Protein backbone atom coordinates (compact mmCIF):
# COMPACT_ATOMS: atom_id res chain seq x y z
CA MET A 1 -6.91 2.45 5.42
CA ARG A 2 -5.48 0.12 8.22
CA ARG A 3 -7.58 -2.63 9.64
CA LYS A 4 -8.48 -2.15 13.38
CA ILE A 5 -7.09 -4.44 15.81
CA THR A 6 -9.91 -6.27 17.50
CA ASP A 7 -8.25 -9.22 19.08
CA VAL A 8 -5.41 -8.98 21.84
CA GLU A 9 -3.79 -12.12 20.14
CA GLU A 10 -3.12 -9.95 17.19
CA LEU A 11 -0.72 -7.95 19.29
CA ASP A 12 1.69 -10.74 18.89
CA ASP A 13 2.46 -9.43 15.56
CA LEU A 14 3.96 -6.36 17.10
CA PRO A 15 7.73 -5.84 17.53
CA GLN A 16 9.54 -6.99 20.83
CA LEU A 17 10.07 -4.21 23.24
CA THR A 18 12.44 -4.02 26.02
CA GLU A 19 10.81 -3.93 29.53
CA ASN A 20 11.77 -0.15 29.87
CA GLN A 21 10.17 0.54 26.39
CA MET A 22 7.03 -1.40 27.33
CA MET A 23 6.69 0.43 30.83
CA PHE A 24 7.04 3.79 28.72
CA VAL A 25 4.35 2.68 26.51
CA LYS A 26 2.01 1.61 29.51
CA GLY A 27 2.67 5.12 31.03
CA ILE A 28 1.56 6.89 27.83
CA LEU A 29 -1.41 4.69 27.53
CA ASP A 30 -2.29 5.31 31.10
CA GLY A 31 -2.40 9.20 30.08
CA LYS A 32 0.91 10.19 31.52
CA THR A 33 2.87 12.92 29.60
CA GLY A 34 5.89 11.55 27.49
CA SER A 35 8.46 12.99 30.06
CA ASP A 36 6.48 11.39 32.92
CA ALA A 37 6.33 8.01 31.24
CA TYR A 38 9.93 8.32 30.61
CA ARG A 39 10.78 9.08 34.29
CA ALA A 40 8.87 6.08 35.34
CA ALA A 41 10.36 3.64 32.94
CA TYR A 42 13.96 4.99 33.16
CA ASN A 43 16.59 6.30 35.67
CA CYS A 44 16.41 9.75 35.07
CA GLU A 45 18.33 10.96 38.43
CA ASN A 46 21.01 12.99 36.80
CA MET A 47 19.03 14.17 33.82
CA LYS A 48 17.71 17.68 33.00
CA PRO A 49 13.96 18.01 32.30
CA GLU A 50 14.96 19.13 28.74
CA THR A 51 17.17 16.12 28.26
CA ILE A 52 14.33 13.97 29.39
CA TRP A 53 11.83 15.56 27.18
CA ALA A 54 14.08 15.00 24.20
CA ALA A 55 14.60 11.45 25.19
CA ALA A 56 10.73 10.61 25.66
CA SER A 57 10.13 12.31 22.31
CA ARG A 58 12.56 10.19 20.59
CA LEU A 59 11.38 7.06 22.21
CA ARG A 60 7.85 7.85 21.39
CA HIS A 61 8.69 8.03 17.69
CA ASP A 62 10.68 4.91 17.82
CA THR A 63 9.22 2.94 15.15
CA LYS A 64 8.74 -0.04 17.48
CA VAL A 65 7.47 1.98 20.29
CA SER A 66 4.91 3.88 18.04
CA ALA A 67 3.98 0.60 16.59
CA TRP A 68 2.70 -0.43 19.96
CA LEU A 69 0.97 2.95 20.78
CA GLU A 70 -0.81 2.85 17.50
CA ALA A 71 -2.03 -0.70 17.90
CA ALA A 72 -3.19 -0.24 21.45
CA GLN A 73 -5.00 3.07 20.56
CA GLU A 74 -6.52 1.25 17.60
CA ALA A 75 -7.64 -1.61 19.81
CA GLU A 76 -9.02 0.82 22.30
CA MET A 77 -6.97 -0.62 24.98
CA ALA A 78 -5.79 2.75 26.42
CA SER A 79 -7.41 5.56 28.31
CA ALA A 80 -5.23 7.83 26.31
CA LYS A 81 -7.79 10.30 25.21
CA ARG A 82 -7.67 13.03 27.61
CA THR A 83 -10.72 15.38 28.39
CA ILE A 84 -10.35 18.92 28.15
CA GLU A 85 -11.11 19.17 31.90
CA GLN A 86 -8.15 16.63 32.66
CA HIS A 87 -5.85 18.70 30.26
CA ILE A 88 -6.70 22.08 31.97
CA ASN A 89 -6.26 20.35 35.44
CA ARG A 90 -2.89 18.87 34.49
CA LEU A 91 -1.86 22.56 33.22
CA ASP A 92 -3.07 23.96 36.36
CA ARG A 93 -0.80 21.52 38.48
CA LEU A 94 2.20 22.47 36.08
CA GLN A 95 1.73 26.16 36.61
CA ALA A 96 1.63 25.85 40.27
CA ILE A 97 4.81 23.89 40.18
CA ALA A 98 6.19 26.63 37.97
CA LEU A 99 5.17 29.47 40.25
CA ARG A 100 6.36 27.49 43.26
CA THR A 101 9.97 27.18 41.78
CA GLY A 102 10.11 30.73 40.46
CA ASN A 103 9.75 29.99 36.64
CA VAL A 104 7.39 32.84 35.80
CA GLY A 105 7.86 32.27 32.26
CA ALA A 106 6.55 28.69 32.32
CA ALA A 107 3.76 29.87 34.57
CA VAL A 108 2.51 32.39 32.06
CA GLN A 109 2.80 29.83 29.28
CA ALA A 110 0.64 27.40 31.31
CA GLU A 111 -1.97 30.25 31.69
CA GLN A 112 -1.79 30.89 27.85
CA LEU A 113 -2.35 27.13 27.13
CA ILE A 114 -5.06 27.02 29.68
CA GLY A 115 -6.80 29.97 27.86
CA LYS A 116 -6.13 28.20 24.39
CA ALA A 117 -7.53 24.86 25.78
CA SER A 118 -10.71 26.85 27.03
CA GLY A 119 -11.26 28.46 23.44
CA HIS A 120 -10.38 31.97 24.66
CA TYR A 121 -7.57 32.13 21.95
CA THR A 122 -7.44 31.32 18.17
CA ASP A 123 -4.19 30.72 16.58
CA GLN A 124 -3.74 32.41 13.17
CA ILE A 125 -0.92 31.11 10.93
CA ASP A 126 -0.12 33.24 7.80
CA LEU A 127 1.86 30.75 5.37
CA LYS A 128 3.52 32.02 2.32
CA ILE A 129 5.61 28.64 1.75
CA SER A 130 5.60 26.60 -1.49
CA ASP A 131 7.69 23.78 -0.17
CA PRO A 132 5.28 21.15 1.35
CA ASN A 133 7.71 19.97 3.67
CA ALA A 134 8.80 23.62 4.98
CA VAL A 135 4.76 24.00 5.36
CA LEU A 136 4.58 20.84 7.43
CA GLU A 137 7.62 22.17 9.68
CA GLU A 138 5.87 25.25 10.15
CA ILE A 139 2.62 23.65 11.12
CA ARG A 140 4.90 21.44 13.46
CA LYS A 141 5.78 24.53 15.38
CA HIS A 142 2.32 25.40 16.21
CA SER A 143 0.75 21.83 16.36
CA PRO A 144 2.90 18.88 16.47
CA GLU A 145 -0.10 16.41 16.63
CA LEU A 146 -1.66 18.26 13.44
CA ALA A 147 1.60 17.98 11.71
CA GLU A 148 2.03 14.11 12.47
CA ALA A 149 -1.47 13.42 11.42
CA LEU A 150 -0.98 15.32 8.13
CA ALA A 151 2.36 13.66 7.74
CA ARG A 152 0.83 10.00 8.29
CA GLU A 153 -2.03 10.85 6.08
CA HIS A 154 0.22 11.88 3.33
CA LEU A 155 2.48 8.98 3.67
CA HIS A 156 -0.50 6.51 3.19
């Protein structure tokens, strides 16, 4: 079990981050999505949304950046915990953007996610896989957060 960081001075033990990486970390801790935090920290003028998402995902899983995120969350320095209401409001905004830009598929997906977040749907996963890594990969498809938590727990 890891010790909870309670003193800001203990953050000195964390790896050095570039200014952009630190801006990204602060964005995540302020509750921004990975893509929004990446846009705030880096010049994304000529990047497609998919490219930004992929870059944000890689950066979030960078060992230095993830160490900072974990330490800050353990120290309860962040407002990263999002309420269900905040989550649904964000999905509502994304759905409106999708409709405004004519992306009906994204709007439908946002509606489905709102329904799931509101408890109207239950995911059923039928796994018949004997390889633990394959099971973890299948779980990741449905719930990246759960897969990450299981992987972390399995490694420690």
